[in-house]
């Protein structure tokens, strides 16, 4: 167990370097993307040599004050709570947007304590749920996927299959996503129905 804890820190002379090396190995990010500050270790406790590090078991997100045990080369142990953050390129808003507006993404090197425990979005088209300032990380809780066709759009309603397909004009009662169910208004009968959006302004109605 002790050997596993010391992996990646055998050549680190300073405690902060040892912690950074251990976090780098744990998270799988370059050492240059790990920042360790506010160590809180008395200067007189620091000696030359390879320091060991015990990180909290299972922890893979470092977003600030973190309990760490340092193992001095002579066997002495020190419990410290340094500020540890990692950096990564994540999607951020290219410009400020209000709730309901589409977001243009760009990439920026961002500290993990800015993200906290939120997950950055992946590729796709996104609409803000809340106001987002330029440069703010774009995370899943702050956006929703942009619809393939917006509420209120005119569509063609179809029912049946093969040569027995009938069509009628309709209107979306909610945002539509290809392959997903959506309520629609039949403009001929004024009835509210449910169908599946097939793309190209076509909604296939569900059977009776």
N, C-alpha and C. Protein backbone atom coordinates (compact mmCIF):
# COMPACT_ATOMS: atom_id res chain seq x y z
N UNK A 1 0.83 -1.20 0.00
CA UNK A 1 0.00 0.00 0.00
C UNK A 1 0.87 1.25 0.00
N UNK A 2 1.91 1.24 0.89
CA UNK A 2 2.78 2.41 0.99
C UNK A 2 3.49 2.65 -0.33
N UNK A 3 3.93 1.56 -0.99
CA UNK A 3 4.62 1.72 -2.27
C UNK A 3 3.70 2.37 -3.30
N UNK A 4 2.42 1.99 -3.27
CA UNK A 4 1.47 2.57 -4.21
C UNK A 4 1.29 4.05 -3.96
N UNK A 5 1.30 4.45 -2.70
CA UNK A 5 1.12 5.85 -2.36
C UNK A 5 2.31 6.69 -2.79
N UNK A 6 3.46 6.07 -2.88
CA UNK A 6 4.66 6.82 -3.20
C UNK A 6 4.94 6.89 -4.69
N UNK A 7 4.13 6.21 -5.49
CA UNK A 7 4.36 6.23 -6.94
C UNK A 7 4.30 7.66 -7.46
N UNK A 8 5.28 8.05 -8.22
CA UNK A 8 5.28 9.38 -8.84
C UNK A 8 5.89 10.45 -7.98
N UNK A 9 6.31 10.16 -6.75
CA UNK A 9 6.85 11.21 -5.90
C UNK A 9 8.26 10.88 -5.41
N UNK A 10 8.85 9.81 -5.91
CA UNK A 10 10.14 9.37 -5.37
C UNK A 10 11.23 10.40 -5.56
N UNK A 11 11.11 11.25 -6.59
CA UNK A 11 12.17 12.21 -6.86
C UNK A 11 11.79 13.62 -6.42
N UNK A 12 10.63 13.77 -5.77
CA UNK A 12 10.20 15.09 -5.32
C UNK A 12 10.91 15.44 -4.02
N UNK A 13 11.53 16.62 -3.98
CA UNK A 13 12.28 17.03 -2.80
C UNK A 13 11.40 17.83 -1.86
N UNK A 14 10.59 18.73 -2.38
CA UNK A 14 9.75 19.58 -1.55
C UNK A 14 8.37 18.97 -1.38
N UNK A 15 7.74 19.17 -0.21
CA UNK A 15 6.42 18.59 0.03
C UNK A 15 5.38 18.98 -1.01
N UNK A 16 5.35 20.26 -1.40
CA UNK A 16 4.36 20.70 -2.39
C UNK A 16 4.57 19.98 -3.72
N UNK A 17 5.84 19.77 -4.09
CA UNK A 17 6.13 19.04 -5.33
C UNK A 17 5.64 17.60 -5.23
N UNK A 18 5.83 17.00 -4.07
CA UNK A 18 5.39 15.61 -3.87
C UNK A 18 3.87 15.51 -4.00
N UNK A 19 3.15 16.45 -3.41
CA UNK A 19 1.69 16.44 -3.50
C UNK A 19 1.25 16.62 -4.95
N UNK A 20 1.86 17.59 -5.63
CA UNK A 20 1.50 17.84 -7.03
C UNK A 20 1.74 16.60 -7.88
N UNK A 21 2.84 15.91 -7.65
CA UNK A 21 3.16 14.71 -8.41
C UNK A 21 2.15 13.60 -8.14
N UNK A 22 1.74 13.46 -6.88
CA UNK A 22 0.75 12.43 -6.53
C UNK A 22 -0.61 12.73 -7.16
N UNK A 23 -1.01 14.01 -7.16
CA UNK A 23 -2.29 14.39 -7.77
C UNK A 23 -2.22 14.17 -9.28
N UNK A 24 -1.10 14.53 -9.90
CA UNK A 24 -0.93 14.34 -11.33
C UNK A 24 -1.11 12.87 -11.69
N UNK A 25 -0.52 11.99 -10.91
CA UNK A 25 -0.63 10.56 -11.17
C UNK A 25 -2.06 10.06 -10.93
N UNK A 26 -2.71 10.58 -9.89
CA UNK A 26 -4.07 10.15 -9.56
C UNK A 26 -5.07 10.56 -10.63
N UNK A 27 -5.00 11.81 -11.08
CA UNK A 27 -6.01 12.36 -11.99
C UNK A 27 -5.64 12.13 -13.45
N UNK A 28 -4.35 11.96 -13.73
CA UNK A 28 -3.93 11.76 -15.10
C UNK A 28 -3.80 13.05 -15.88
N UNK A 29 -3.37 14.12 -15.21
CA UNK A 29 -3.14 15.38 -15.90
C UNK A 29 -1.66 15.72 -15.81
N UNK A 30 -1.14 16.54 -16.73
CA UNK A 30 0.28 16.91 -16.64
C UNK A 30 0.59 17.62 -15.33
N UNK A 31 1.81 17.45 -14.87
CA UNK A 31 2.23 18.08 -13.62
C UNK A 31 2.07 19.60 -13.69
N UNK A 32 2.26 20.17 -14.87
CA UNK A 32 2.12 21.63 -15.02
C UNK A 32 0.70 22.10 -14.80
N UNK A 33 -0.27 21.17 -14.83
CA UNK A 33 -1.67 21.53 -14.64
C UNK A 33 -2.16 21.25 -13.23
N UNK A 34 -1.24 21.09 -12.30
CA UNK A 34 -1.58 20.90 -10.88
C UNK A 34 -0.97 22.03 -10.08
N UNK A 35 -1.79 22.66 -9.25
CA UNK A 35 -1.32 23.78 -8.42
C UNK A 35 -1.56 23.44 -6.95
N UNK A 36 -0.50 23.54 -6.14
CA UNK A 36 -0.59 23.26 -4.70
C UNK A 36 -0.10 24.49 -3.96
N UNK A 37 -0.98 25.09 -3.15
CA UNK A 37 -0.62 26.27 -2.36
C UNK A 37 -1.17 26.12 -0.95
N UNK A 38 -0.84 27.09 -0.11
CA UNK A 38 -1.34 27.12 1.28
C UNK A 38 -1.11 25.78 1.97
N UNK A 39 0.13 25.31 1.89
CA UNK A 39 0.45 23.99 2.43
C UNK A 39 0.26 23.91 3.95
N UNK A 40 0.63 24.96 4.66
CA UNK A 40 0.44 24.98 6.11
C UNK A 40 1.43 24.13 6.88
N UNK A 41 2.55 23.78 6.26
CA UNK A 41 3.57 22.97 6.93
C UNK A 41 4.67 23.90 7.46
N UNK A 42 5.00 23.82 8.77
CA UNK A 42 6.05 24.69 9.30
C UNK A 42 7.36 24.52 8.56
N UNK A 43 8.03 25.64 8.30
CA UNK A 43 9.28 25.59 7.55
C UNK A 43 10.32 24.69 8.22
N UNK A 44 10.31 24.69 9.55
CA UNK A 44 11.31 23.89 10.27
C UNK A 44 11.06 22.39 10.13
N UNK A 45 9.86 22.01 9.65
CA UNK A 45 9.54 20.60 9.49
C UNK A 45 10.04 20.05 8.16
N UNK A 46 10.42 20.93 7.25
CA UNK A 46 10.82 20.50 5.91
C UNK A 46 12.29 20.09 5.90
N UNK A 47 12.54 18.90 5.37
CA UNK A 47 13.91 18.41 5.22
C UNK A 47 14.08 17.91 3.79
N UNK A 48 15.32 17.79 3.36
CA UNK A 48 15.58 17.27 2.03
C UNK A 48 15.28 15.77 1.97
N UNK A 49 14.87 15.33 0.81
CA UNK A 49 14.60 13.90 0.64
C UNK A 49 13.28 13.67 -0.06
N UNK A 50 12.98 12.42 -0.32
CA UNK A 50 11.76 12.06 -1.03
C UNK A 50 10.59 11.97 -0.06
N UNK A 51 9.63 12.87 -0.20
CA UNK A 51 8.44 12.88 0.65
C UNK A 51 7.38 11.95 0.06
N UNK A 52 6.71 11.23 0.94
CA UNK A 52 5.57 10.42 0.53
C UNK A 52 4.27 11.19 0.74
N UNK A 53 3.24 10.77 0.05
CA UNK A 53 1.95 11.47 0.10
C UNK A 53 0.82 10.46 0.20
N UNK A 54 -0.11 10.71 1.10
CA UNK A 54 -1.35 9.94 1.17
C UNK A 54 -2.51 10.88 0.84
N UNK A 55 -3.15 10.63 -0.30
CA UNK A 55 -4.32 11.40 -0.71
C UNK A 55 -5.58 10.69 -0.22
N UNK A 56 -6.69 11.42 -0.08
CA UNK A 56 -7.95 10.76 0.32
C UNK A 56 -8.30 9.65 -0.66
N UNK A 57 -8.63 8.45 -0.16
CA UNK A 57 -8.93 7.32 -1.06
C UNK A 57 -10.07 7.65 -2.02
N UNK A 58 -9.87 7.33 -3.29
CA UNK A 58 -10.92 7.48 -4.28
C UNK A 58 -11.13 8.89 -4.81
N UNK A 59 -10.55 9.89 -4.19
CA UNK A 59 -10.78 11.27 -4.63
C UNK A 59 -10.11 11.51 -5.98
N UNK A 60 -10.89 12.02 -6.95
CA UNK A 60 -10.34 12.28 -8.27
C UNK A 60 -10.61 13.71 -8.74
N UNK A 61 -11.33 14.48 -7.93
CA UNK A 61 -11.57 15.88 -8.26
C UNK A 61 -11.02 16.74 -7.12
N UNK A 62 -10.06 17.58 -7.46
CA UNK A 62 -9.41 18.43 -6.47
C UNK A 62 -9.82 19.87 -6.74
N UNK A 63 -10.58 20.44 -5.81
CA UNK A 63 -11.19 21.74 -6.05
C UNK A 63 -10.94 22.74 -4.92
N UNK A 64 -9.87 22.54 -4.17
CA UNK A 64 -9.58 23.49 -3.09
C UNK A 64 -8.95 22.78 -1.91
N UNK A 65 -9.34 23.17 -0.70
CA UNK A 65 -8.77 22.62 0.52
C UNK A 65 -8.98 21.10 0.57
N UNK A 66 -7.86 20.37 0.71
CA UNK A 66 -7.91 18.90 0.64
C UNK A 66 -7.08 18.30 1.76
N UNK A 67 -7.64 17.36 2.54
CA UNK A 67 -6.83 16.72 3.59
C UNK A 67 -5.78 15.79 2.98
N UNK A 68 -4.54 16.00 3.39
CA UNK A 68 -3.42 15.22 2.86
C UNK A 68 -2.51 14.84 4.02
N UNK A 69 -1.96 13.63 3.98
CA UNK A 69 -0.94 13.23 4.94
C UNK A 69 0.40 13.18 4.24
N UNK A 70 1.37 13.91 4.78
CA UNK A 70 2.73 13.92 4.25
C UNK A 70 3.60 12.99 5.08
N UNK A 71 4.42 12.20 4.41
CA UNK A 71 5.33 11.27 5.07
C UNK A 71 6.75 11.76 4.84
N UNK A 72 7.37 12.28 5.89
CA UNK A 72 8.73 12.80 5.77
C UNK A 72 9.71 11.65 5.61
N UNK A 73 10.86 11.89 4.96
CA UNK A 73 11.82 10.81 4.74
C UNK A 73 12.23 10.07 6.02
N UNK A 74 12.20 10.76 7.17
CA UNK A 74 12.58 10.09 8.42
C UNK A 74 11.42 9.36 9.07
N UNK A 75 10.24 9.32 8.40
CA UNK A 75 9.09 8.59 8.92
C UNK A 75 8.07 9.46 9.63
N UNK A 76 8.38 10.71 9.90
CA UNK A 76 7.42 11.60 10.57
C UNK A 76 6.21 11.84 9.65
N UNK A 77 5.02 11.97 10.25
CA UNK A 77 3.80 12.18 9.50
C UNK A 77 3.20 13.54 9.84
N UNK A 78 2.66 14.22 8.83
CA UNK A 78 2.06 15.53 9.03
C UNK A 78 0.72 15.58 8.30
N UNK A 79 -0.32 15.95 9.02
CA UNK A 79 -1.64 16.14 8.42
C UNK A 79 -1.78 17.61 8.01
N UNK A 80 -1.98 17.85 6.75
CA UNK A 80 -2.09 19.22 6.23
C UNK A 80 -3.34 19.31 5.35
N UNK A 81 -3.75 20.55 5.05
CA UNK A 81 -4.89 20.78 4.16
C UNK A 81 -4.51 21.84 3.12
N UNK A 82 -3.68 21.50 2.17
CA UNK A 82 -3.29 22.47 1.15
C UNK A 82 -4.46 22.76 0.20
N UNK A 83 -4.34 23.87 -0.49
CA UNK A 83 -5.29 24.16 -1.57
C UNK A 83 -4.75 23.51 -2.83
N UNK A 84 -5.53 22.57 -3.38
CA UNK A 84 -5.11 21.84 -4.56
C UNK A 84 -6.14 22.07 -5.67
N UNK A 85 -5.69 22.54 -6.81
CA UNK A 85 -6.57 22.65 -7.98
C UNK A 85 -5.84 22.10 -9.18
N UNK A 86 -6.61 21.59 -10.12
CA UNK A 86 -6.06 21.15 -11.39
C UNK A 86 -6.63 22.05 -12.49
N UNK A 87 -5.97 22.06 -13.62
CA UNK A 87 -6.39 22.88 -14.75
C UNK A 87 -6.66 21.99 -15.96
N UNK A 88 -7.63 22.41 -16.77
CA UNK A 88 -7.95 21.69 -18.00
C UNK A 88 -8.58 22.66 -18.99
N UNK A 89 -8.48 22.33 -20.26
CA UNK A 89 -9.17 23.10 -21.30
C UNK A 89 -10.63 22.66 -21.32
N UNK A 90 -11.53 23.61 -21.08
CA UNK A 90 -12.96 23.28 -21.02
C UNK A 90 -13.75 24.29 -21.86
N UNK A 91 -14.99 23.94 -22.24
CA UNK A 91 -15.82 24.88 -22.99
C UNK A 91 -16.22 26.07 -22.11
N UNK A 92 -16.08 27.27 -22.64
CA UNK A 92 -16.55 28.48 -21.96
C UNK A 92 -17.36 29.31 -22.95
N UNK A 93 -18.15 30.22 -22.42
CA UNK A 93 -18.98 31.07 -23.28
C UNK A 93 -18.09 32.10 -23.98
N UNK A 94 -18.22 32.19 -25.30
CA UNK A 94 -17.43 33.16 -26.05
C UNK A 94 -17.89 34.58 -25.77
N UNK A 95 -19.18 34.74 -25.52
CA UNK A 95 -19.74 36.05 -25.18
C UNK A 95 -20.81 35.90 -24.13
N UNK A 96 -21.23 36.99 -23.52
CA UNK A 96 -22.28 36.94 -22.50
C UNK A 96 -23.63 36.63 -23.16
N UNK A 97 -24.43 35.80 -22.49
CA UNK A 97 -25.76 35.45 -22.99
C UNK A 97 -26.76 35.51 -21.85
N UNK A 98 -28.03 35.73 -22.21
CA UNK A 98 -29.12 35.69 -21.25
C UNK A 98 -29.81 34.34 -21.32
N UNK A 99 -30.63 34.04 -20.30
CA UNK A 99 -31.37 32.79 -20.31
C UNK A 99 -32.21 32.68 -21.57
N UNK A 100 -32.18 31.51 -22.20
CA UNK A 100 -32.94 31.28 -23.41
C UNK A 100 -32.18 31.56 -24.69
N UNK A 101 -30.99 32.15 -24.59
CA UNK A 101 -30.22 32.47 -25.79
C UNK A 101 -29.23 31.35 -26.11
N UNK A 102 -28.94 31.14 -27.39
CA UNK A 102 -27.94 30.13 -27.77
C UNK A 102 -26.54 30.58 -27.36
N UNK A 103 -25.67 29.61 -27.14
CA UNK A 103 -24.32 29.89 -26.65
C UNK A 103 -23.31 29.51 -27.73
N UNK A 104 -22.35 30.41 -27.96
CA UNK A 104 -21.21 30.09 -28.81
C UNK A 104 -20.06 29.69 -27.89
N UNK A 105 -19.53 28.51 -28.11
CA UNK A 105 -18.49 27.98 -27.23
C UNK A 105 -17.10 28.27 -27.76
N UNK A 106 -16.16 28.44 -26.82
CA UNK A 106 -14.75 28.43 -27.13
C UNK A 106 -14.07 27.64 -26.02
N UNK A 107 -12.78 27.44 -26.11
CA UNK A 107 -12.05 26.68 -25.10
C UNK A 107 -11.14 27.60 -24.30
N UNK A 108 -11.03 27.33 -22.99
CA UNK A 108 -10.13 28.12 -22.15
C UNK A 108 -9.58 27.24 -21.03
N UNK A 109 -8.35 27.49 -20.64
CA UNK A 109 -7.74 26.76 -19.52
C UNK A 109 -8.40 27.24 -18.23
N UNK A 110 -9.00 26.31 -17.51
CA UNK A 110 -9.85 26.66 -16.37
C UNK A 110 -9.48 25.83 -15.15
N UNK A 111 -9.50 26.48 -13.98
CA UNK A 111 -9.17 25.80 -12.72
C UNK A 111 -10.36 24.97 -12.24
N UNK A 112 -10.05 23.84 -11.61
CA UNK A 112 -11.10 22.94 -11.13
C UNK A 112 -11.96 23.57 -10.05
N UNK A 113 -11.42 24.53 -9.28
CA UNK A 113 -12.25 25.13 -8.23
C UNK A 113 -13.27 26.10 -8.83
N UNK A 114 -13.07 26.53 -10.06
CA UNK A 114 -14.08 27.33 -10.74
C UNK A 114 -15.23 26.43 -11.18
N UNK A 115 -14.89 25.22 -11.64
CA UNK A 115 -15.91 24.27 -12.05
C UNK A 115 -16.62 23.65 -10.86
N UNK A 116 -15.93 23.59 -9.74
CA UNK A 116 -16.42 22.86 -8.56
C UNK A 116 -16.69 21.42 -8.97
N UNK A 117 -17.89 20.92 -8.74
CA UNK A 117 -18.17 19.52 -9.09
C UNK A 117 -19.03 19.42 -10.34
N UNK A 118 -19.18 20.51 -11.07
CA UNK A 118 -20.02 20.48 -12.25
C UNK A 118 -19.27 19.90 -13.44
N UNK A 119 -20.03 19.32 -14.36
CA UNK A 119 -19.45 18.69 -15.54
C UNK A 119 -19.54 19.62 -16.74
N UNK A 120 -18.43 19.91 -17.42
CA UNK A 120 -18.50 20.70 -18.65
C UNK A 120 -19.31 19.97 -19.72
N UNK A 121 -19.97 20.72 -20.57
CA UNK A 121 -20.74 20.11 -21.65
C UNK A 121 -19.80 19.56 -22.72
N UNK A 122 -20.34 18.68 -23.54
CA UNK A 122 -19.59 18.17 -24.68
C UNK A 122 -19.96 18.94 -25.94
N UNK A 123 -19.65 18.36 -27.06
CA UNK A 123 -19.98 18.99 -28.33
C UNK A 123 -21.49 19.02 -28.52
N UNK A 124 -21.96 19.99 -29.28
CA UNK A 124 -23.39 20.10 -29.54
C UNK A 124 -23.82 21.55 -29.57
N UNK A 125 -25.12 21.76 -29.71
CA UNK A 125 -25.70 23.10 -29.69
C UNK A 125 -26.44 23.28 -28.37
N UNK A 126 -26.18 24.40 -27.71
CA UNK A 126 -26.68 24.60 -26.35
C UNK A 126 -27.38 25.95 -26.22
N UNK A 127 -28.37 25.96 -25.31
CA UNK A 127 -29.11 27.17 -24.98
C UNK A 127 -28.98 27.40 -23.48
N UNK A 128 -28.75 28.65 -23.08
CA UNK A 128 -28.54 28.96 -21.67
C UNK A 128 -29.83 28.81 -20.87
N UNK A 129 -29.74 28.18 -19.70
CA UNK A 129 -30.85 28.15 -18.75
C UNK A 129 -30.85 29.40 -17.88
N UNK A 130 -29.65 29.94 -17.65
CA UNK A 130 -29.46 31.13 -16.82
C UNK A 130 -28.51 32.06 -17.55
N UNK A 131 -28.39 33.28 -17.07
CA UNK A 131 -27.43 34.21 -17.66
C UNK A 131 -26.01 33.68 -17.45
N UNK A 132 -25.19 33.76 -18.50
CA UNK A 132 -23.81 33.27 -18.44
C UNK A 132 -22.91 34.37 -18.99
N UNK A 133 -21.89 34.73 -18.23
CA UNK A 133 -20.97 35.79 -18.65
C UNK A 133 -19.91 35.23 -19.59
N UNK A 134 -19.37 36.10 -20.40
CA UNK A 134 -18.28 35.71 -21.31
C UNK A 134 -17.13 35.12 -20.51
N UNK A 135 -16.63 33.98 -20.94
CA UNK A 135 -15.52 33.33 -20.26
C UNK A 135 -15.92 32.37 -19.18
N UNK A 136 -17.21 32.34 -18.80
CA UNK A 136 -17.67 31.40 -17.77
C UNK A 136 -17.70 29.98 -18.33
N UNK A 137 -17.33 28.98 -17.52
CA UNK A 137 -17.46 27.60 -17.97
C UNK A 137 -18.90 27.26 -18.30
N UNK A 138 -19.11 26.48 -19.34
CA UNK A 138 -20.45 26.06 -19.73
C UNK A 138 -20.64 24.62 -19.24
N UNK A 139 -21.47 24.48 -18.21
CA UNK A 139 -21.67 23.18 -17.58
C UNK A 139 -23.10 22.70 -17.78
N UNK A 140 -23.30 21.41 -17.56
CA UNK A 140 -24.59 20.77 -17.87
C UNK A 140 -25.75 21.38 -17.10
N UNK A 141 -25.51 21.86 -15.89
CA UNK A 141 -26.60 22.40 -15.09
C UNK A 141 -27.03 23.80 -15.54
N UNK A 142 -26.22 24.45 -16.35
CA UNK A 142 -26.50 25.83 -16.73
C UNK A 142 -27.06 25.96 -18.15
N UNK A 143 -27.14 24.85 -18.87
CA UNK A 143 -27.61 24.91 -20.25
C UNK A 143 -28.55 23.74 -20.53
N UNK A 144 -29.23 23.81 -21.64
CA UNK A 144 -30.00 22.69 -22.17
C UNK A 144 -29.66 22.55 -23.65
N UNK A 145 -29.88 21.38 -24.16
CA UNK A 145 -29.59 21.14 -25.57
C UNK A 145 -30.51 21.98 -26.44
N UNK A 146 -29.97 22.61 -27.44
CA UNK A 146 -30.79 23.41 -28.35
C UNK A 146 -31.71 22.49 -29.15
N UNK A 147 -32.98 22.85 -29.31
CA UNK A 147 -33.91 21.98 -30.05
C UNK A 147 -33.58 21.96 -31.53
N UNK A 148 -34.00 20.87 -32.19
CA UNK A 148 -33.85 20.79 -33.64
C UNK A 148 -34.87 21.67 -34.34
N UNK A 149 -36.00 21.92 -33.68
CA UNK A 149 -37.02 22.82 -34.19
C UNK A 149 -37.76 23.40 -33.00
N UNK A 150 -37.96 24.72 -33.00
CA UNK A 150 -38.50 25.39 -31.83
C UNK A 150 -40.02 25.35 -31.73
N UNK A 151 -40.49 25.51 -30.49
CA UNK A 151 -41.92 25.57 -30.22
C UNK A 151 -42.58 26.65 -31.09
N UNK A 152 -43.76 26.32 -31.64
CA UNK A 152 -44.49 27.26 -32.48
C UNK A 152 -44.21 27.13 -33.96
N UNK A 153 -43.24 26.30 -34.33
CA UNK A 153 -42.92 26.13 -35.75
C UNK A 153 -44.01 25.32 -36.45
N UNK A 154 -44.26 25.65 -37.70
CA UNK A 154 -45.22 24.90 -38.51
C UNK A 154 -44.59 23.60 -38.98
N UNK A 155 -45.37 22.52 -38.93
CA UNK A 155 -44.87 21.20 -39.32
C UNK A 155 -45.94 20.49 -40.14
N UNK A 156 -45.54 19.41 -40.77
CA UNK A 156 -46.48 18.53 -41.46
C UNK A 156 -46.71 17.30 -40.59
N UNK A 157 -47.99 17.04 -40.30
CA UNK A 157 -48.35 15.87 -39.50
C UNK A 157 -48.64 14.72 -40.44
N UNK A 158 -48.05 13.56 -40.18
CA UNK A 158 -48.29 12.39 -41.02
C UNK A 158 -48.79 11.24 -40.16
N UNK A 159 -49.62 10.39 -40.77
CA UNK A 159 -50.12 9.20 -40.10
C UNK A 159 -50.27 8.09 -41.12
N UNK A 160 -50.07 6.85 -40.69
CA UNK A 160 -50.15 5.72 -41.60
C UNK A 160 -48.78 5.34 -42.13
N UNK A 161 -48.76 4.43 -43.11
CA UNK A 161 -47.51 3.98 -43.69
C UNK A 161 -47.74 3.57 -45.14
N UNK A 162 -46.66 3.50 -45.89
CA UNK A 162 -46.74 3.10 -47.29
C UNK A 162 -47.62 4.05 -48.08
N UNK A 163 -48.49 3.48 -48.95
CA UNK A 163 -49.35 4.34 -49.78
C UNK A 163 -50.52 4.94 -49.01
N UNK A 164 -50.68 4.56 -47.76
CA UNK A 164 -51.83 5.02 -46.97
C UNK A 164 -51.45 6.15 -46.01
N UNK A 165 -50.39 6.87 -46.29
CA UNK A 165 -49.98 7.99 -45.45
C UNK A 165 -50.88 9.19 -45.73
N UNK A 166 -51.42 9.77 -44.66
CA UNK A 166 -52.19 11.01 -44.78
C UNK A 166 -51.43 12.11 -44.07
N UNK A 167 -51.63 13.34 -44.55
CA UNK A 167 -50.88 14.46 -43.99
C UNK A 167 -51.83 15.61 -43.67
N UNK A 168 -51.42 16.40 -42.68
CA UNK A 168 -52.21 17.57 -42.30
C UNK A 168 -51.26 18.63 -41.76
N UNK A 169 -51.65 19.89 -41.86
CA UNK A 169 -50.79 20.94 -41.29
C UNK A 169 -50.85 20.94 -39.77
N UNK A 170 -49.72 21.21 -39.15
CA UNK A 170 -49.68 21.22 -37.69
C UNK A 170 -48.72 22.27 -37.17
N UNK A 171 -48.68 22.37 -35.85
CA UNK A 171 -47.80 23.34 -35.19
C UNK A 171 -47.23 22.71 -33.92
N UNK A 172 -45.95 22.92 -33.68
CA UNK A 172 -45.32 22.38 -32.48
C UNK A 172 -45.83 23.09 -31.23
N UNK A 173 -46.17 22.30 -30.22
CA UNK A 173 -46.58 22.85 -28.93
C UNK A 173 -45.42 22.87 -27.93
N UNK A 174 -44.26 22.38 -28.34
CA UNK A 174 -43.06 22.37 -27.50
C UNK A 174 -41.85 22.26 -28.43
N UNK A 175 -40.67 22.51 -27.89
CA UNK A 175 -39.46 22.31 -28.68
C UNK A 175 -39.36 20.86 -29.12
N UNK A 176 -38.83 20.63 -30.31
CA UNK A 176 -38.76 19.28 -30.87
C UNK A 176 -37.32 18.86 -31.08
N UNK A 177 -37.08 17.56 -30.82
CA UNK A 177 -35.78 16.94 -31.04
C UNK A 177 -35.99 15.71 -31.91
N UNK A 178 -35.14 15.53 -32.91
CA UNK A 178 -35.29 14.40 -33.82
C UNK A 178 -35.32 13.09 -33.05
N UNK A 179 -36.36 12.28 -33.32
CA UNK A 179 -36.50 10.98 -32.68
C UNK A 179 -37.20 11.01 -31.34
N UNK A 180 -37.58 12.19 -30.86
CA UNK A 180 -38.22 12.30 -29.55
C UNK A 180 -39.70 12.68 -29.71
N UNK A 181 -40.55 12.26 -28.76
CA UNK A 181 -41.97 12.61 -28.82
C UNK A 181 -42.18 14.10 -28.57
N UNK A 182 -43.25 14.65 -29.17
CA UNK A 182 -43.54 16.07 -29.01
C UNK A 182 -45.05 16.29 -29.20
N UNK A 183 -45.67 17.17 -28.40
CA UNK A 183 -47.08 17.50 -28.62
C UNK A 183 -47.22 18.46 -29.79
N UNK A 184 -48.29 18.27 -30.57
CA UNK A 184 -48.52 19.11 -31.75
C UNK A 184 -50.00 19.48 -31.81
N UNK A 185 -50.26 20.58 -32.49
CA UNK A 185 -51.63 21.02 -32.74
C UNK A 185 -51.97 20.75 -34.19
N UNK A 186 -53.04 19.98 -34.41
CA UNK A 186 -53.54 19.78 -35.76
C UNK A 186 -54.32 21.02 -36.16
N UNK A 187 -53.81 21.78 -37.10
CA UNK A 187 -54.42 23.06 -37.46
C UNK A 187 -55.76 22.87 -38.16
N UNK A 188 -56.02 21.68 -38.71
CA UNK A 188 -57.30 21.44 -39.39
C UNK A 188 -58.42 21.14 -38.39
N UNK A 189 -58.08 20.39 -37.33
CA UNK A 189 -59.12 19.98 -36.38
C UNK A 189 -59.00 20.69 -35.03
N UNK A 190 -57.90 21.40 -34.82
CA UNK A 190 -57.58 22.08 -33.55
C UNK A 190 -57.36 21.09 -32.40
N UNK A 191 -57.15 19.83 -32.73
CA UNK A 191 -56.88 18.82 -31.70
C UNK A 191 -55.39 18.81 -31.35
N UNK A 192 -55.08 18.62 -30.06
CA UNK A 192 -53.69 18.47 -29.62
C UNK A 192 -53.36 16.98 -29.62
N UNK A 193 -52.32 16.61 -30.37
CA UNK A 193 -51.93 15.22 -30.54
C UNK A 193 -50.48 15.04 -30.12
N UNK A 194 -50.03 13.80 -30.14
CA UNK A 194 -48.63 13.52 -29.83
C UNK A 194 -48.02 12.74 -30.98
N UNK A 195 -46.80 13.10 -31.32
CA UNK A 195 -46.10 12.40 -32.39
C UNK A 195 -44.61 12.41 -32.14
N UNK A 196 -43.85 11.90 -33.10
CA UNK A 196 -42.40 11.86 -33.03
C UNK A 196 -41.82 12.74 -34.13
N UNK A 197 -40.92 13.63 -33.74
CA UNK A 197 -40.32 14.52 -34.74
C UNK A 197 -39.31 13.75 -35.57
N UNK A 198 -39.50 13.78 -36.90
CA UNK A 198 -38.63 13.03 -37.80
C UNK A 198 -37.60 13.91 -38.51
N UNK A 199 -37.62 15.19 -38.24
CA UNK A 199 -36.75 16.10 -38.96
C UNK A 199 -37.45 16.67 -40.17
N UNK A 200 -36.87 17.71 -40.76
CA UNK A 200 -37.41 18.33 -41.97
C UNK A 200 -38.87 18.78 -41.79
N UNK A 201 -39.20 19.22 -40.58
CA UNK A 201 -40.53 19.76 -40.28
C UNK A 201 -41.64 18.71 -40.41
N UNK A 202 -41.30 17.45 -40.16
CA UNK A 202 -42.29 16.37 -40.24
C UNK A 202 -42.45 15.71 -38.88
N UNK A 203 -43.71 15.57 -38.43
CA UNK A 203 -44.03 14.86 -37.20
C UNK A 203 -44.91 13.66 -37.53
N UNK A 204 -44.45 12.47 -37.18
CA UNK A 204 -45.24 11.26 -37.39
C UNK A 204 -46.13 11.04 -36.18
N UNK A 205 -47.42 11.03 -36.40
CA UNK A 205 -48.37 10.90 -35.29
C UNK A 205 -48.40 9.48 -34.77
N UNK A 206 -48.66 9.36 -33.47
CA UNK A 206 -48.79 8.06 -32.86
C UNK A 206 -50.13 7.46 -33.21
N UNK A 207 -50.18 6.13 -33.23
CA UNK A 207 -51.44 5.45 -33.53
C UNK A 207 -52.42 5.58 -32.39
N UNK A 208 -53.68 5.19 -32.61
CA UNK A 208 -54.71 5.30 -31.59
C UNK A 208 -54.42 4.38 -30.44
